[in-house]
Amino acid sequence: MAHSRILMSLVADCDDTIPGKQKMEALLQSVIIHLNCAYHVYLKEIAFDCGIQAIEGINSIEKIREQLDLQEKSNASVTELLNLKSSGWLGSFHGAVEQILYPSAYAQYESSLIAVAGSDSSVVINLQAVTDFLQKFNNIFERQRHSNVEY
């Protein structure tokens, strides 16, 4: 999260020239990649808190759900993230990550005449979207920290 905040502070230095716009795009993409790394660390923390043994194999919220189902357990954070991914901002965030990591696949989808039902083809990586992602992740991470504080 700290790296994401630092990168966002550099966006203010970008101007409307072509190099300035390219710099902004690179910074915004970097913020998303750093947020994605933070999200994966957060998933491992949730898995650990849930008592899942092999947390190194956890790379998605669905994997945590599978492990909890095997143990016949549930977790409010897992349920929240699954809901946010399927019908909220977290799904858009994952779309932005895929757009950055797999640009040719995303471009191929965009040029297709047949839209895939349920997919979010309107992922826009701009300053407002990245600012929103940063704030929403910050809220989730802060809430997790506060709920895990030992008194």
Protein backbone atom coordinates (compact mmCIF):
# COMPACT_ATOMS: atom_id res chain seq x y z
CA MET A 1 0.00 0.00 0.00
CA ALA A 2 2.83 2.39 0.79
CA HIS A 3 4.28 1.96 -2.69
CA SER A 4 0.87 2.60 -4.22
CA ARG A 5 0.49 5.82 -2.27
CA ILE A 6 3.95 7.00 -3.30
CA LEU A 7 3.24 6.26 -6.95
CA MET A 8 -0.08 8.12 -6.74
CA SER A 9 1.73 11.17 -5.35
CA LEU A 10 3.88 11.22 -8.50
CA VAL A 11 0.82 11.39 -10.75
CA ALA A 12 0.39 15.05 -9.83
CA ASP A 13 3.62 15.82 -11.71
CA CYS A 14 2.22 14.53 -15.00
CA ASP A 15 1.18 17.08 -17.58
CA ASP A 16 -0.97 16.93 -20.73
CA THR A 17 1.93 16.31 -23.10
CA ILE A 18 2.34 12.89 -24.69
CA PRO A 19 5.26 11.99 -22.38
CA GLY A 20 3.24 13.25 -19.40
CA LYS A 21 0.26 11.10 -20.38
CA GLN A 22 2.53 8.08 -20.87
CA LYS A 23 4.08 8.68 -17.48
CA MET A 24 0.62 8.87 -15.89
CA GLU A 25 -0.47 5.65 -17.58
CA ALA A 26 2.68 3.87 -16.37
CA LEU A 27 2.20 5.17 -12.83
CA LEU A 28 -1.48 4.17 -12.71
CA GLN A 29 -0.68 0.70 -14.02
CA SER A 30 2.08 0.39 -11.43
CA VAL A 31 -0.34 1.35 -8.66
CA ILE A 32 -2.73 -1.38 -9.79
CA ILE A 33 0.05 -3.99 -9.86
CA HIS A 34 1.17 -2.98 -6.36
CA LEU A 35 -2.43 -3.12 -5.13
CA ASN A 36 -2.74 -6.58 -6.66
CA CYS A 37 0.35 -7.70 -4.71
CA ALA A 38 -1.10 -6.22 -1.51
CA TYR A 39 -4.39 -8.00 -2.20
CA HIS A 40 -2.60 -11.34 -2.53
CA VAL A 41 -0.76 -10.78 0.76
CA TYR A 42 -4.13 -9.92 2.32
CA LEU A 43 -5.58 -13.19 1.00
CA LYS A 44 -2.75 -15.10 2.68
CA GLU A 45 -3.45 -13.25 5.94
CA ILE A 46 -7.11 -14.22 5.74
CA ALA A 47 -6.15 -17.83 5.00
CA PHE A 48 -3.80 -17.85 8.00
CA ASP A 49 -6.49 -16.33 10.25
CA CYS A 50 -8.90 -19.04 9.06
CA GLY A 51 -6.44 -21.76 10.01
CA ILE A 52 -5.73 -22.89 6.46
CA GLN A 53 -2.49 -24.87 6.48
CA ALA A 54 -1.01 -24.45 3.01
CA ILE A 55 -1.30 -20.67 2.62
CA GLU A 56 1.49 -20.59 0.02
CA GLY A 57 -0.99 -22.17 -2.41
CA ILE A 58 -3.59 -19.45 -1.85
CA ASN A 59 -3.79 -17.16 -4.86
CA SER A 60 -7.48 -16.31 -5.01
CA ILE A 61 -10.45 -15.77 -2.74
CA GLU A 62 -12.07 -18.80 -4.36
CA LYS A 63 -9.21 -21.02 -3.11
CA ILE A 64 -9.85 -19.83 0.44
CA ARG A 65 -13.57 -20.53 0.01
CA GLU A 66 -12.76 -24.07 -1.20
CA GLN A 67 -10.54 -24.72 1.83
CA LEU A 68 -13.16 -23.34 4.21
CA ASP A 69 -15.84 -25.49 2.58
CA LEU A 70 -13.67 -28.58 3.18
CA GLN A 71 -13.45 -27.61 6.86
CA GLU A 72 -17.16 -26.70 6.96
CA LYS A 73 -16.26 -23.18 8.09
CA SER A 74 -17.19 -19.71 6.93
CA ASN A 75 -15.60 -16.28 7.23
CA ALA A 76 -17.20 -12.86 6.87
CA SER A 77 -14.19 -11.34 5.06
CA VAL A 78 -14.21 -14.15 2.51
CA THR A 79 -17.93 -13.73 1.89
CA GLU A 80 -17.52 -9.97 1.52
CA LEU A 81 -14.66 -10.32 -0.99
CA LEU A 82 -16.56 -12.92 -3.02
CA ASN A 83 -19.54 -10.55 -3.21
CA LEU A 84 -17.34 -7.59 -4.14
CA LYS A 85 -15.64 -9.64 -6.84
CA SER A 86 -18.84 -10.92 -8.41
CA SER A 87 -20.87 -7.71 -8.34
CA GLY A 88 -18.72 -4.88 -7.09
CA TRP A 89 -15.57 -2.87 -7.50
CA LEU A 90 -13.28 -5.85 -6.88
CA GLY A 91 -14.44 -7.43 -10.14
CA SER A 92 -13.54 -4.23 -11.97
CA PHE A 93 -10.18 -4.21 -10.22
CA HIS A 94 -9.46 -7.76 -11.40
CA GLY A 95 -10.46 -6.68 -14.91
CA ALA A 96 -7.94 -3.83 -14.73
CA VAL A 97 -5.22 -6.23 -13.55
CA GLU A 98 -5.94 -8.59 -16.44
CA GLN A 99 -5.96 -5.68 -18.87
CA ILE A 100 -2.45 -4.75 -17.71
CA LEU A 101 -1.02 -8.26 -17.45
CA TYR A 102 -2.60 -9.67 -20.61
CA PRO A 103 -3.08 -6.71 -22.98
CA SER A 104 -3.23 -8.79 -26.18
CA ALA A 105 -5.97 -11.03 -24.78
CA TYR A 106 -7.90 -7.98 -23.59
CA ALA A 107 -7.53 -6.23 -26.96
CA GLN A 108 -8.65 -9.39 -28.73
CA TYR A 109 -11.76 -9.50 -26.53
CA GLU A 110 -12.48 -5.83 -27.15
CA SER A 111 -12.38 -6.33 -30.91
CA SER A 112 -14.75 -9.30 -30.74
CA LEU A 113 -18.24 -8.77 -32.08
CA ILE A 114 -19.75 -11.14 -29.51
CA ALA A 115 -19.62 -10.00 -25.90
CA VAL A 116 -19.21 -12.59 -23.20
CA ALA A 117 -22.13 -12.51 -20.80
CA GLY A 118 -21.21 -11.32 -17.34
CA SER A 119 -17.77 -10.01 -18.28
CA ASP A 120 -16.85 -6.42 -17.64
CA SER A 121 -15.50 -5.02 -20.88
CA SER A 122 -15.83 -1.46 -19.63
CA VAL A 123 -12.77 -1.52 -17.37
CA VAL A 124 -11.23 1.92 -17.59
CA ILE A 125 -7.86 2.60 -16.03
CA ASN A 126 -7.88 6.28 -15.23
CA LEU A 127 -6.96 8.49 -12.29
CA GLN A 128 -10.41 8.34 -10.70
CA ALA A 129 -10.72 4.54 -11.00
CA VAL A 130 -7.25 3.94 -9.54
CA THR A 131 -7.89 6.46 -6.73
CA ASP A 132 -11.11 4.60 -5.91
CA PHE A 133 -9.34 1.21 -5.92
CA LEU A 134 -6.65 2.57 -3.61
CA GLN A 135 -9.21 4.00 -1.18
CA LYS A 136 -11.36 0.86 -1.15
CA PHE A 137 -8.40 -1.43 -0.53
CA ASN A 138 -7.18 0.93 2.18
CA ASN A 139 -10.60 0.72 3.87
CA ILE A 140 -10.63 -3.09 3.76
CA PHE A 141 -7.05 -3.44 5.00
CA GLU A 142 -7.55 -0.91 7.81
CA ARG A 143 -10.73 -2.64 8.94
CA GLN A 144 -8.86 -5.98 8.98
CA ARG A 145 -6.02 -4.47 11.01
CA HIS A 146 -8.42 -3.01 13.56
CA SER A 147 -10.39 -6.24 13.90
CA ASN A 148 -7.18 -8.25 14.48
CA VAL A 149 -5.68 -5.94 17.09
CA GLU A 150 -5.16 -7.69 20.40
CA TYR A 151 -6.24 -5.68 23.43
